[in-house]
Amino acid sequence: MSKKGLTFRGLSDVPKTPTPAYEEELGIYEKKERIRGLSQDIDERKIYAKKTFRLVSFWISGVFLLLILCGLKLPYFVFELPESLLLAVIGGTTLNILGVFIFVMKYLFELKRGP
């Protein structure tokens, strides 16, 4: 059975005592799988970094729009929120969004030590 240039052996093909050629083939296969896994990690990081950026951008834009609407005093348009509600929206929820951002970024871009 072959997949992308790799040869998979059945259980009957595995030697009782590993030969140098078998160990070399196994090492090459392991390295290719590690590279494939790293490539997949990079692709996933790009996707989630973009999604997290959009989420934080929209949230900050929404809070900014809320502040503009509260500060805008037009004769035909009145938008008022109690100060306590405005502080709760700006403070608490913004901290939650930034916490999510930091958590996701630390997960996506963690430093891996070792091989």
PDB file of N, CA and C in Angstrom:
ATOM      1  N   MET A   1       0.851  -1.161   0.000  1.00  0.00           N
ATOM      2  CA  MET A   1       0.000   0.000   0.000  1.00  0.00           C
ATOM      3  C   MET A   1       0.901   1.229   0.000  1.00  0.00           C
ATOM      4  N   SER A   2       0.616   2.192  -0.856  1.00  0.00           N
ATOM      5  CA  SER A   2       1.454   3.366  -0.966  1.00  0.00           C
ATOM      6  C   SER A   2       0.589   4.618  -0.930  1.00  0.00           C
ATOM      7  N   LYS A   3       1.082   5.626  -0.225  1.00  0.00           N
ATOM      8  CA  LYS A   3       0.363   6.898  -0.133  1.00  0.00           C
ATOM      9  C   LYS A   3       1.394   8.016  -0.140  1.00  0.00           C
ATOM     10  N   LYS A   4       1.322   8.847  -1.155  1.00  0.00           N
ATOM     11  CA  LYS A   4       2.234   9.988  -1.287  1.00  0.00           C
ATOM     12  C   LYS A   4       3.699   9.555  -1.203  1.00  0.00           C
ATOM     13  N   GLY A   5       4.044   8.526  -1.848  1.00  0.00           N
ATOM     14  CA  GLY A   5       5.431   8.092  -1.902  1.00  0.00           C
ATOM     15  C   GLY A   5       5.901   7.298  -0.700  1.00  0.00           C
ATOM     16  N   LEU A   6       5.025   7.047   0.262  1.00  0.00           N
ATOM     17  CA  LEU A   6       5.399   6.273   1.436  1.00  0.00           C
ATOM     18  C   LEU A   6       4.897   4.848   1.279  1.00  0.00           C
ATOM     19  N   THR A   7       5.670   3.918   1.731  1.00  0.00           N
ATOM     20  CA  THR A   7       5.282   2.525   1.649  1.00  0.00           C
ATOM     21  C   THR A   7       4.887   2.049   3.041  1.00  0.00           C
ATOM     22  N   PHE A   8       3.686   1.526   3.169  1.00  0.00           N
ATOM     23  CA  PHE A   8       3.220   0.989   4.435  1.00  0.00           C
ATOM     24  C   PHE A   8       3.330  -0.526   4.371  1.00  0.00           C
ATOM     25  N   ARG A   9       3.877  -1.090   5.402  1.00  0.00           N
ATOM     26  CA  ARG A   9       4.058  -2.533   5.433  1.00  0.00           C
ATOM     27  C   ARG A   9       2.986  -3.174   6.280  1.00  0.00           C
ATOM     28  N   GLY A  10       2.630  -4.364   5.923  1.00  0.00           N
ATOM     29  CA  GLY A  10       1.709  -5.134   6.749  1.00  0.00           C
ATOM     30  C   GLY A  10       2.462  -5.721   7.924  1.00  0.00           C
ATOM     31  N   LEU A  11       1.766  -6.302   8.876  1.00  0.00           N
ATOM     32  CA  LEU A  11       2.424  -6.863  10.044  1.00  0.00           C
ATOM     33  C   LEU A  11       3.349  -8.017   9.682  1.00  0.00           C
ATOM     34  N   SER A  12       3.017  -8.741   8.622  1.00  0.00           N
ATOM     35  CA  SER A  12       3.871  -9.861   8.233  1.00  0.00           C
ATOM     36  C   SER A  12       5.178  -9.380   7.608  1.00  0.00           C
ATOM     37  N   ASP A  13       5.205  -8.117   7.124  1.00  0.00           N
ATOM     38  CA  ASP A  13       6.411  -7.583   6.492  1.00  0.00           C
ATOM     39  C   ASP A  13       7.406  -6.989   7.483  1.00  0.00           C
ATOM     40  N   VAL A  14       6.977  -6.760   8.727  1.00  0.00           N
ATOM     41  CA  VAL A  14       7.851  -6.146   9.715  1.00  0.00           C
ATOM     42  C   VAL A  14       8.851  -7.195  10.182  1.00  0.00           C
ATOM     43  N   PRO A  15      10.142  -6.882  10.071  1.00  0.00           N
ATOM     44  CA  PRO A  15      11.146  -7.868  10.490  1.00  0.00           C
ATOM     45  C   PRO A  15      11.147  -8.052  12.006  1.00  0.00           C
ATOM     46  N   LYS A  16      11.502  -9.259  12.438  1.00  0.00           N
ATOM     47  CA  LYS A  16      11.555  -9.566  13.875  1.00  0.00           C
ATOM     48  C   LYS A  16      12.616  -8.706  14.563  1.00  0.00           C
ATOM     49  N   THR A  17      13.777  -8.585  13.933  1.00  0.00           N
ATOM     50  CA  THR A  17      14.806  -7.678  14.431  1.00  0.00           C
ATOM     51  C   THR A  17      14.948  -6.566  13.390  1.00  0.00           C
ATOM     52  N   PRO A  18      14.763  -5.314  13.811  1.00  0.00           N
ATOM     53  CA  PRO A  18      14.804  -4.204  12.848  1.00  0.00           C
ATOM     54  C   PRO A  18      16.148  -4.123  12.141  1.00  0.00           C
ATOM     55  N   THR A  19      16.084  -4.057  10.847  1.00  0.00           N
ATOM     56  CA  THR A  19      17.285  -3.902  10.042  1.00  0.00           C
ATOM     57  C   THR A  19      17.591  -2.414   9.912  1.00  0.00           C
ATOM     58  N   PRO A  20      18.819  -2.059   9.603  1.00  0.00           N
ATOM     59  CA  PRO A  20      19.155  -0.636   9.421  1.00  0.00           C
ATOM     60  C   PRO A  20      18.301   0.025   8.339  1.00  0.00           C
ATOM     61  N   ALA A  21      18.000  -0.717   7.270  1.00  0.00           N
ATOM     62  CA  ALA A  21      17.180  -0.134   6.196  1.00  0.00           C
ATOM     63  C   ALA A  21      15.765   0.142   6.690  1.00  0.00           C
ATOM     64  N   TYR A  22      15.232  -0.783   7.494  1.00  0.00           N
ATOM     65  CA  TYR A  22      13.878  -0.594   8.034  1.00  0.00           C
ATOM     66  C   TYR A  22      13.853   0.589   9.002  1.00  0.00           C
ATOM     67  N   GLU A  23      14.856   0.682   9.873  1.00  0.00           N
ATOM     68  CA  GLU A  23      14.923   1.798  10.815  1.00  0.00           C
ATOM     69  C   GLU A  23      15.067   3.126  10.081  1.00  0.00           C
ATOM     70  N   GLU A  24      15.833   3.147   8.999  1.00  0.00           N
ATOM     71  CA  GLU A  24      15.995   4.366   8.206  1.00  0.00           C
ATOM     72  C   GLU A  24      14.663   4.764   7.558  1.00  0.00           C
ATOM     73  N   GLU A  25      13.965   3.768   7.003  1.00  0.00           N
ATOM     74  CA  GLU A  25      12.662   4.041   6.385  1.00  0.00           C
ATOM     75  C   GLU A  25      11.669   4.546   7.430  1.00  0.00           C
ATOM     76  N   LEU A  26      11.699   3.957   8.617  1.00  0.00           N
ATOM     77  CA  LEU A  26      10.817   4.380   9.690  1.00  0.00           C
ATOM     78  C   LEU A  26      11.146   5.807  10.136  1.00  0.00           C
ATOM     79  N   GLY A  27      12.428   6.125  10.204  1.00  0.00           N
ATOM     80  CA  GLY A  27      12.853   7.478  10.568  1.00  0.00           C
ATOM     81  C   GLY A  27      12.408   8.506   9.541  1.00  0.00           C
ATOM     82  N   ILE A  28      12.524   8.150   8.267  1.00  0.00           N
ATOM     83  CA  ILE A  28      12.087   9.058   7.192  1.00  0.00           C
ATOM     84  C   ILE A  28      10.579   9.273   7.278  1.00  0.00           C
ATOM     85  N   TYR A  29       9.843   8.186   7.500  1.00  0.00           N
ATOM     86  CA  TYR A  29       8.388   8.284   7.617  1.00  0.00           C
ATOM     87  C   TYR A  29       8.004   9.176   8.803  1.00  0.00           C
ATOM     88  N   GLU A  30       8.688   8.997   9.921  1.00  0.00           N
ATOM     89  CA  GLU A  30       8.407   9.801  11.113  1.00  0.00           C
ATOM     90  C   GLU A  30       8.676  11.276  10.853  1.00  0.00           C
ATOM     91  N   LYS A  31       9.760  11.587  10.175  1.00  0.00           N
ATOM     92  CA  LYS A  31      10.094  12.983   9.867  1.00  0.00           C
ATOM     93  C   LYS A  31       9.067  13.598   8.922  1.00  0.00           C
ATOM     94  N   LYS A  32       8.628  12.829   7.921  1.00  0.00           N
ATOM     95  CA  LYS A  32       7.619  13.342   6.993  1.00  0.00           C
ATOM     96  C   LYS A  32       6.305  13.610   7.708  1.00  0.00           C
ATOM     97  N   GLU A  33       5.930  12.738   8.632  1.00  0.00           N
ATOM     98  CA  GLU A  33       4.691  12.935   9.390  1.00  0.00           C
ATOM     99  C   GLU A  33       4.801  14.144  10.308  1.00  0.00           C
ATOM    100  N   ARG A  34       5.961  14.349  10.905  1.00  0.00           N
ATOM    101  CA  ARG A  34       6.170  15.514  11.764  1.00  0.00           C
ATOM    102  C   ARG A  34       6.061  16.799  10.943  1.00  0.00           C
ATOM    103  N   ILE A  35       6.653  16.802   9.749  1.00  0.00           N
ATOM    104  CA  ILE A  35       6.573  17.969   8.866  1.00  0.00           C
ATOM    105  C   ILE A  35       5.131  18.213   8.443  1.00  0.00           C
ATOM    106  N   ARG A  36       4.404  17.141   8.122  1.00  0.00           N
ATOM    107  CA  ARG A  36       2.995  17.280   7.731  1.00  0.00           C
ATOM    108  C   ARG A  36       2.181  17.853   8.881  1.00  0.00           C
ATOM    109  N   GLY A  37       2.442  17.395  10.091  1.00  0.00           N
ATOM    110  CA  GLY A  37       1.742  17.910  11.268  1.00  0.00           C
ATOM    111  C   GLY A  37       2.045  19.380  11.522  1.00  0.00           C
ATOM    112  N   LEU A  38       3.305  19.773  11.355  1.00  0.00           N
ATOM    113  CA  LEU A  38       3.676  21.178  11.529  1.00  0.00           C
ATOM    114  C   LEU A  38       3.017  22.051  10.471  1.00  0.00           C
ATOM    115  N   SER A  39       2.957  21.548   9.254  1.00  0.00           N
ATOM    116  CA  SER A  39       2.295  22.289   8.177  1.00  0.00           C
ATOM    117  C   SER A  39       0.813  22.480   8.477  1.00  0.00           C
ATOM    118  N   GLN A  40       0.181  21.440   8.988  1.00  0.00           N
ATOM    119  CA  GLN A  40      -1.239  21.537   9.355  1.00  0.00           C
ATOM    120  C   GLN A  40      -1.416  22.532  10.504  1.00  0.00           C
ATOM    121  N   ASP A  41      -0.515  22.526  11.479  1.00  0.00           N
ATOM    122  CA  ASP A  41      -0.574  23.486  12.581  1.00  0.00           C
ATOM    123  C   ASP A  41      -0.488  24.917  12.065  1.00  0.00           C
ATOM    124  N   ILE A  42       0.395  25.149  11.117  1.00  0.00           N
ATOM    125  CA  ILE A  42       0.557  26.489  10.556  1.00  0.00           C
ATOM    126  C   ILE A  42      -0.725  26.934   9.857  1.00  0.00           C
ATOM    127  N   ASP A  43      -1.324  26.032   9.084  1.00  0.00           N
ATOM    128  CA  ASP A  43      -2.574  26.373   8.401  1.00  0.00           C
ATOM    129  C   ASP A  43      -3.680  26.694   9.404  1.00  0.00           C
ATOM    130  N   GLU A  44      -3.795  25.904  10.451  1.00  0.00           N
ATOM    131  CA  GLU A  44      -4.818  26.147  11.469  1.00  0.00           C
ATOM    132  C   GLU A  44      -4.551  27.455  12.213  1.00  0.00           C
ATOM    133  N   ARG A  45      -3.298  27.748  12.479  1.00  0.00           N
ATOM    134  CA  ARG A  45      -2.959  29.004  13.151  1.00  0.00           C
ATOM    135  C   ARG A  45      -3.395  30.201  12.318  1.00  0.00           C
ATOM    136  N   LYS A  46      -3.190  30.122  11.016  1.00  0.00           N
ATOM    137  CA  LYS A  46      -3.605  31.216  10.140  1.00  0.00           C
ATOM    138  C   LYS A  46      -5.111  31.415  10.205  1.00  0.00           C
ATOM    139  N   ILE A  47      -5.854  30.328  10.153  1.00  0.00           N
ATOM    140  CA  ILE A  47      -7.320  30.413  10.174  1.00  0.00           C
ATOM    141  C   ILE A  47      -7.799  31.026  11.485  1.00  0.00           C
ATOM    142  N   TYR A  48      -7.335  30.498  12.606  1.00  0.00           N
ATOM    143  CA  TYR A  48      -7.821  30.974  13.900  1.00  0.00           C
ATOM    144  C   TYR A  48      -7.287  32.356  14.243  1.00  0.00           C
ATOM    145  N   ALA A  49      -6.103  32.700  13.768  1.00  0.00           N
ATOM    146  CA  ALA A  49      -5.595  34.050  13.994  1.00  0.00           C
ATOM    147  C   ALA A  49      -6.484  35.065  13.278  1.00  0.00           C
ATOM    148  N   LYS A  50      -6.897  34.759  12.051  1.00  0.00           N
ATOM    149  CA  LYS A  50      -7.790  35.662  11.310  1.00  0.00           C
ATOM    150  C   LYS A  50      -9.145  35.771  11.999  1.00  0.00           C
ATOM    151  N   LYS A  51      -9.697  34.646  12.442  1.00  0.00           N
ATOM    152  CA  LYS A  51     -11.003  34.676  13.117  1.00  0.00           C
ATOM    153  C   LYS A  51     -10.929  35.460  14.429  1.00  0.00           C
ATOM    154  N   THR A  52      -9.878  35.268  15.181  1.00  0.00           N
ATOM    155  CA  THR A  52      -9.724  35.989  16.440  1.00  0.00           C
ATOM    156  C   THR A  52      -9.549  37.479  16.183  1.00  0.00           C
ATOM    157  N   PHE A  53      -8.787  37.815  15.174  1.00  0.00           N
ATOM    158  CA  PHE A  53      -8.588  39.222  14.827  1.00  0.00           C
ATOM    159  C   PHE A  53      -9.915  39.868  14.445  1.00  0.00           C
ATOM    160  N   ARG A  54     -10.717  39.166  13.639  1.00  0.00           N
ATOM    161  CA  ARG A  54     -12.022  39.704  13.250  1.00  0.00           C
ATOM    162  C   ARG A  54     -12.929  39.892  14.460  1.00  0.00           C
ATOM    163  N   LEU A  55     -12.964  38.910  15.339  1.00  0.00           N
ATOM    164  CA  LEU A  55     -13.804  39.002  16.524  1.00  0.00           C
ATOM    165  C   LEU A  55     -13.426  40.212  17.369  1.00  0.00           C
ATOM    166  N   VAL A  56     -12.147  40.379  17.637  1.00  0.00           N
ATOM    167  CA  VAL A  56     -11.684  41.493  18.461  1.00  0.00           C
ATOM    168  C   VAL A  56     -11.924  42.816  17.741  1.00  0.00           C
ATOM    169  N   SER A  57     -11.684  42.861  16.437  1.00  0.00           N
ATOM    170  CA  SER A  57     -11.907  44.092  15.670  1.00  0.00           C
ATOM    171  C   SER A  57     -13.370  44.507  15.692  1.00  0.00           C
ATOM    172  N   PHE A  58     -14.270  43.556  15.465  1.00  0.00           N
ATOM    173  CA  PHE A  58     -15.695  43.880  15.487  1.00  0.00           C
ATOM    174  C   PHE A  58     -16.134  44.324  16.880  1.00  0.00           C
ATOM    175  N   TRP A  59     -15.614  43.674  17.892  1.00  0.00           N
ATOM    176  CA  TRP A  59     -16.006  44.045  19.246  1.00  0.00           C
ATOM    177  C   TRP A  59     -15.538  45.461  19.578  1.00  0.00           C
ATOM    178  N   ILE A  60     -14.300  45.770  19.274  1.00  0.00           N
ATOM    179  CA  ILE A  60     -13.778  47.109  19.554  1.00  0.00           C
ATOM    180  C   ILE A  60     -14.523  48.152  18.723  1.00  0.00           C
ATOM    181  N   SER A  61     -14.856  47.820  17.480  1.00  0.00           N
ATOM    182  CA  SER A  61     -15.642  48.739  16.649  1.00  0.00           C
ATOM    183  C   SER A  61     -17.030  48.970  17.245  1.00  0.00           C
ATOM    184  N   GLY A  62     -17.645  47.910  17.746  1.00  0.00           N
ATOM    185  CA  GLY A  62     -18.964  48.037  18.366  1.00  0.00           C
ATOM    186  C   GLY A  62     -18.934  48.905  19.610  1.00  0.00           C
ATOM    187  N   VAL A  63     -17.935  48.722  20.452  1.00  0.00           N
ATOM    188  CA  VAL A  63     -17.807  49.543  21.661  1.00  0.00           C
ATOM    189  C   VAL A  63     -17.551  50.995  21.273  1.00  0.00           C
ATOM    190  N   PHE A  64     -16.743  51.206  20.259  1.00  0.00           N
ATOM    191  CA  PHE A  64     -16.470  52.567  19.787  1.00  0.00           C
ATOM    192  C   PHE A  64     -17.752  53.210  19.247  1.00  0.00           C
ATOM    193  N   LEU A  65     -18.529  52.462  18.483  1.00  0.00           N
ATOM    194  CA  LEU A  65     -19.799  52.964  17.961  1.00  0.00           C
ATOM    195  C   LEU A  65     -20.753  53.299  19.107  1.00  0.00           C
ATOM    196  N   LEU A  66     -20.788  52.467  20.125  1.00  0.00           N
ATOM    197  CA  LEU A  66     -21.622  52.722  21.291  1.00  0.00           C
ATOM    198  C   LEU A  66     -21.206  54.021  21.977  1.00  0.00           C
ATOM    199  N   LEU A  67     -19.910  54.243  22.109  1.00  0.00           N
ATOM    200  CA  LEU A  67     -19.420  55.488  22.712  1.00  0.00           C
ATOM    201  C   LEU A  67     -19.780  56.702  21.860  1.00  0.00           C
ATOM    202  N   ILE A  68     -19.648  56.570  20.553  1.00  0.00           N
ATOM    203  CA  ILE A  68     -20.001  57.671  19.651  1.00  0.00           C
ATOM    204  C   ILE A  68     -21.489  57.994  19.778  1.00  0.00           C
ATOM    205  N   LEU A  69     -22.333  56.956  19.773  1.00  0.00           N
ATOM    206  CA  LEU A  69     -23.776  57.177  19.882  1.00  0.00           C
ATOM    207  C   LEU A  69     -24.154  57.824  21.215  1.00  0.00           C
ATOM    208  N   CYS A  70     -23.491  57.414  22.291  1.00  0.00           N
ATOM    209  CA  CYS A  70     -23.788  58.007  23.596  1.00  0.00           C
ATOM    210  C   CYS A  70     -23.310  59.456  23.680  1.00  0.00           C
ATOM    211  N   GLY A  71     -22.227  59.760  23.025  1.00  0.00           N
ATOM    212  CA  GLY A  71     -21.682  61.123  23.064  1.00  0.00           C
ATOM    213  C   GLY A  71     -22.299  62.054  22.048  1.00  0.00           C
ATOM    214  N   LEU A  72     -22.951  61.504  21.048  1.00  0.00           N
ATOM    215  CA  LEU A  72     -23.536  62.312  19.988  1.00  0.00           C
ATOM    216  C   LEU A  72     -24.874  62.879  20.469  1.00  0.00           C
ATOM    217  N   LYS A  73     -24.981  64.159  20.501  1.00  0.00           N
ATOM    218  CA  LYS A  73     -26.217  64.813  20.947  1.00  0.00           C
ATOM    219  C   LYS A  73     -26.833  65.552  19.762  1.00  0.00           C
ATOM    220  N   LEU A  74     -27.740  64.890  19.083  1.00  0.00           N
ATOM    221  CA  LEU A  74     -28.449  65.504  17.955  1.00  0.00           C
ATOM    222  C   LEU A  74     -29.896  65.766  18.363  1.00  0.00           C
ATOM    223  N   PRO A  75     -30.491  66.824  17.823  1.00  0.00           N
ATOM    224  CA  PRO A  75     -31.872  67.134  18.223  1.00  0.00           C
ATOM    225  C   PRO A  75     -32.887  66.082  17.770  1.00  0.00           C
ATOM    226  N   TYR A  76     -32.651  65.403  16.702  1.00  0.00           N
ATOM    227  CA  TYR A  76     -33.609  64.425  16.182  1.00  0.00           C
ATOM    228  C   TYR A  76     -33.251  62.986  16.549  1.00  0.00           C
ATOM    229  N   PHE A  77     -32.121  62.770  17.186  1.00  0.00           N
ATOM    230  CA  PHE A  77     -31.695  61.415  17.544  1.00  0.00           C
ATOM    231  C   PHE A  77     -31.128  61.434  18.954  1.00  0.00           C
ATOM    232  N   VAL A  78     -31.788  60.746  19.862  1.00  0.00           N
ATOM    233  CA  VAL A  78     -31.331  60.689  21.248  1.00  0.00           C
ATOM    234  C   VAL A  78     -31.038  59.235  21.593  1.00  0.00           C
ATOM    235  N   PHE A  79     -29.802  58.989  21.995  1.00  0.00           N
ATOM    236  CA  PHE A  79     -29.384  57.650  22.414  1.00  0.00           C
ATOM    237  C   PHE A  79     -28.685  57.803  23.745  1.00  0.00           C
ATOM    238  N   GLU A  80     -29.319  57.327  24.785  1.00  0.00           N
ATOM    239  CA  GLU A  80     -28.735  57.457  26.116  1.00  0.00           C
ATOM    240  C   GLU A  80     -28.752  56.110  26.817  1.00  0.00           C
ATOM    241  N   LEU A  81     -27.680  55.845  27.501  1.00  0.00           N
ATOM    242  CA  LEU A  81     -27.579  54.656  28.342  1.00  0.00           C
ATOM    243  C   LEU A  81     -27.180  55.105  29.738  1.00  0.00           C
ATOM    244  N   PRO A  82     -27.659  54.423  30.761  1.00  0.00           N
ATOM    245  CA  PRO A  82     -27.185  54.760  32.105  1.00  0.00           C
ATOM    246  C   PRO A  82     -25.674  54.545  32.200  1.00  0.00           C
ATOM    247  N   GLU A  83     -25.057  55.383  32.991  1.00  0.00           N
ATOM    248  CA  GLU A  83     -23.600  55.329  33.100  1.00  0.00           C
ATOM    249  C   GLU A  83     -23.115  53.967  33.595  1.00  0.00           C
ATOM    250  N   SER A  84     -23.848  53.366  34.519  1.00  0.00           N
ATOM    251  CA  SER A  84     -23.437  52.059  35.046  1.00  0.00           C
ATOM    252  C   SER A  84     -23.473  50.984  33.958  1.00  0.00           C
ATOM    253  N   LEU A  85     -24.480  51.044  33.095  1.00  0.00           N
ATOM    254  CA  LEU A  85     -24.560  50.078  31.999  1.00  0.00           C
ATOM    255  C   LEU A  85     -23.436  50.293  30.995  1.00  0.00           C
ATOM    256  N   LEU A  86     -23.161  51.540  30.702  1.00  0.00           N
ATOM    257  CA  LEU A  86     -22.080  51.851  29.763  1.00  0.00           C
ATOM    258  C   LEU A  86     -20.733  51.373  30.309  1.00  0.00           C
ATOM    259  N   LEU A  87     -20.489  51.591  31.602  1.00  0.00           N
ATOM    260  CA  LEU A  87     -19.243  51.122  32.222  1.00  0.00           C
ATOM    261  C   LEU A  87     -19.156  49.600  32.214  1.00  0.00           C
ATOM    262  N   ALA A  88     -20.281  48.938  32.441  1.00  0.00           N
ATOM    263  CA  ALA A  88     -20.287  47.471  32.432  1.00  0.00           C
ATOM    264  C   ALA A  88     -19.972  46.937  31.042  1.00  0.00           C
ATOM    265  N   VAL A  89     -20.573  47.528  30.025  1.00  0.00           N
ATOM    266  CA  VAL A  89     -20.335  47.070  28.647  1.00  0.00           C
ATOM    267  C   VAL A  89     -18.884  47.296  28.250  1.00  0.00           C
ATOM    268  N   ILE A  90     -18.406  48.490  28.514  1.00  0.00           N
ATOM    269  CA  ILE A  90     -17.042  48.815  28.089  1.00  0.00           C
ATOM    270  C   ILE A  90     -16.009  48.036  28.898  1.00  0.00           C
ATOM    271  N   GLY A  91     -16.166  48.023  30.201  1.00  0.00           N
ATOM    272  CA  GLY A  91     -15.156  47.389  31.056  1.00  0.00           C
ATOM    273  C   GLY A  91     -15.182  45.886  31.055  1.00  0.00           C
ATOM    274  N   GLY A  92     -16.269  45.333  31.538  1.00  0.00           N
ATOM    275  CA  GLY A  92     -16.328  43.881  31.727  1.00  0.00           C
ATOM    276  C   GLY A  92     -16.238  43.085  30.454  1.00  0.00           C
ATOM    277  N   THR A  93     -17.032  43.439  29.477  1.00  0.00           N
ATOM    278  CA  THR A  93     -17.065  42.631  28.268  1.00  0.00           C
ATOM    279  C   THR A  93     -15.791  42.807  27.445  1.00  0.00           C
ATOM    280  N   THR A  94     -15.254  44.009  27.450  1.00  0.00           N
ATOM    281  CA  THR A  94     -14.001  44.222  26.716  1.00  0.00           C
ATOM    282  C   THR A  94     -12.872  43.406  27.339  1.00  0.00           C
ATOM    283  N   LEU A  95     -12.841  43.336  28.654  1.00  0.00           N
ATOM    284  CA  LEU A  95     -11.824  42.496  29.301  1.00  0.00           C
ATOM    285  C   LEU A  95     -12.008  41.027  28.923  1.00  0.00           C
ATOM    286  N   ASN A  96     -13.252  40.575  28.831  1.00  0.00           N
ATOM    287  CA  ASN A  96     -13.499  39.194  28.416  1.00  0.00           C
ATOM    288  C   ASN A  96     -13.005  38.942  26.996  1.00  0.00           C
ATOM    289  N   ILE A  97     -13.288  39.846  26.088  1.00  0.00           N
ATOM    290  CA  ILE A  97     -12.850  39.678  24.702  1.00  0.00           C
ATOM    291  C   ILE A  97     -11.324  39.685  24.614  1.00  0.00           C
ATOM    292  N   LEU A  98     -10.696  40.595  25.337  1.00  0.00           N
ATOM    293  CA  LEU A  98      -9.227  40.625  25.326  1.00  0.00           C
ATOM    294  C   LEU A  98      -8.652  39.360  25.971  1.00  0.00           C
ATOM    295  N   GLY A  99      -9.332  38.847  26.990  1.00  0.00           N
ATOM    296  CA  GLY A  99      -8.899  37.590  27.601  1.00  0.00           C
ATOM    297  C   GLY A  99      -8.971  36.432  26.620  1.00  0.00           C
ATOM    298  N   VAL A 100     -10.057  36.376  25.850  1.00  0.00           N
ATOM    299  CA  VAL A 100     -10.188  35.346  24.815  1.00  0.00           C
ATOM    300  C   VAL A 100      -9.075  35.501  23.790  1.00  0.00           C
ATOM    301  N   PHE A 101      -8.812  36.734  23.387  1.00  0.00           N
ATOM    302  CA  PHE A 101      -7.758  37.000  22.410  1.00  0.00           C
ATOM    303  C   PHE A 101      -6.408  36.503  22.924  1.00  0.00           C
ATOM    304  N   ILE A 102      -6.083  36.844  24.155  1.00  0.00           N
ATOM    305  CA  ILE A 102      -4.792  36.434  24.720  1.00  0.00           C
ATOM    306  C   ILE A 102      -4.715  34.917  24.854  1.00  0.00           C
ATOM    307  N   PHE A 103      -5.800  34.291  25.314  1.00  0.00           N
ATOM    308  CA  PHE A 103      -5.836  32.837  25.478  1.00  0.00           C
ATOM    309  C   PHE A 103      -5.621  32.137  24.134  1.00  0.00           C
ATOM    310  N   VAL A 104      -6.330  32.579  23.110  1.00  0.00           N
ATOM    311  CA  VAL A 104      -6.220  31.948  21.787  1.00  0.00           C
ATOM    312  C   VAL A 104      -4.829  32.166  21.213  1.00  0.00           C
ATOM    313  N   MET A 105      -4.296  33.355  21.335  1.00  0.00           N
ATOM    314  CA  MET A 105      -2.970  33.636  20.778  1.00  0.00           C
ATOM    315  C   MET A 105      -1.885  32.825  21.494  1.00  0.00           C
ATOM    316  N   LYS A 106      -2.006  32.684  22.802  1.00  0.00           N
ATOM    317  CA  LYS A 106      -1.009  31.873  23.526  1.00  0.00           C
ATOM    318  C   LYS A 106      -1.093  30.411  23.092  1.00  0.00           C
ATOM    319  N   TYR A 107      -2.321  29.936  22.859  1.00  0.00           N
ATOM    320  CA  TYR A 107      -2.484  28.553  22.405  1.00  0.00           C
ATOM    321  C   TYR A 107      -1.947  28.371  20.997  1.00  0.00           C
ATOM    322  N   LEU A 108      -2.264  29.303  20.115  1.00  0.00           N
ATOM    323  CA  LEU A 108      -1.858  29.158  18.716  1.00  0.00           C
ATOM    324  C   LEU A 108      -0.364  29.312  18.523  1.00  0.00           C
ATOM    325  N   PHE A 109       0.254  30.183  19.287  1.00  0.00           N
ATOM    326  CA  PHE A 109       1.654  30.498  19.063  1.00  0.00           C
ATOM    327  C   PHE A 109       2.527  30.125  20.251  1.00  0.00           C
ATOM    328  N   GLU A 110       2.188  29.008  20.894  1.00  0.00           N
ATOM    329  CA  GLU A 110       2.978  28.561  22.026  1.00  0.00           C
ATOM    330  C   GLU A 110       4.359  28.095  21.547  1.00  0.00           C
ATOM    331  N   LEU A 111       5.323  28.280  22.404  1.00  0.00           N
ATOM    332  CA  LEU A 111       6.678  27.837  22.105  1.00  0.00           C
ATOM    333  C   LEU A 111       6.813  26.387  22.514  1.00  0.00           C
ATOM    334  N   LYS A 112       7.121  25.546  21.549  1.00  0.00           N
ATOM    335  CA  LYS A 112       7.293  24.124  21.839  1.00  0.00           C
ATOM    336  C   LYS A 112       8.778  23.858  22.011  1.00  0.00           C
ATOM    337  N   ARG A 113       9.084  23.201  23.093  1.00  0.00           N
ATOM    338  CA  ARG A 113      10.479  22.852  23.359  1.00  0.00           C
ATOM    339  C   ARG A 113      10.696  21.384  23.047  1.00  0.00           C
ATOM    340  N   GLY A 114      11.870  21.100  22.635  1.00  0.00           N
ATOM    341  CA  GLY A 114      12.201  19.702  22.350  1.00  0.00           C
ATOM    342  C   GLY A 114      11.924  19.341  20.897  1.00  0.00           C
ATOM    343  N   PRO A 115      12.202  18.074  20.539  1.00  0.00           N
ATOM    344  CA  PRO A 115      12.041  17.644  19.147  1.00  0.00           C
ATOM    345  C   PRO A 115      10.618  17.458  18.732  1.00  0.00           C
TER     346      PRO A 115
END
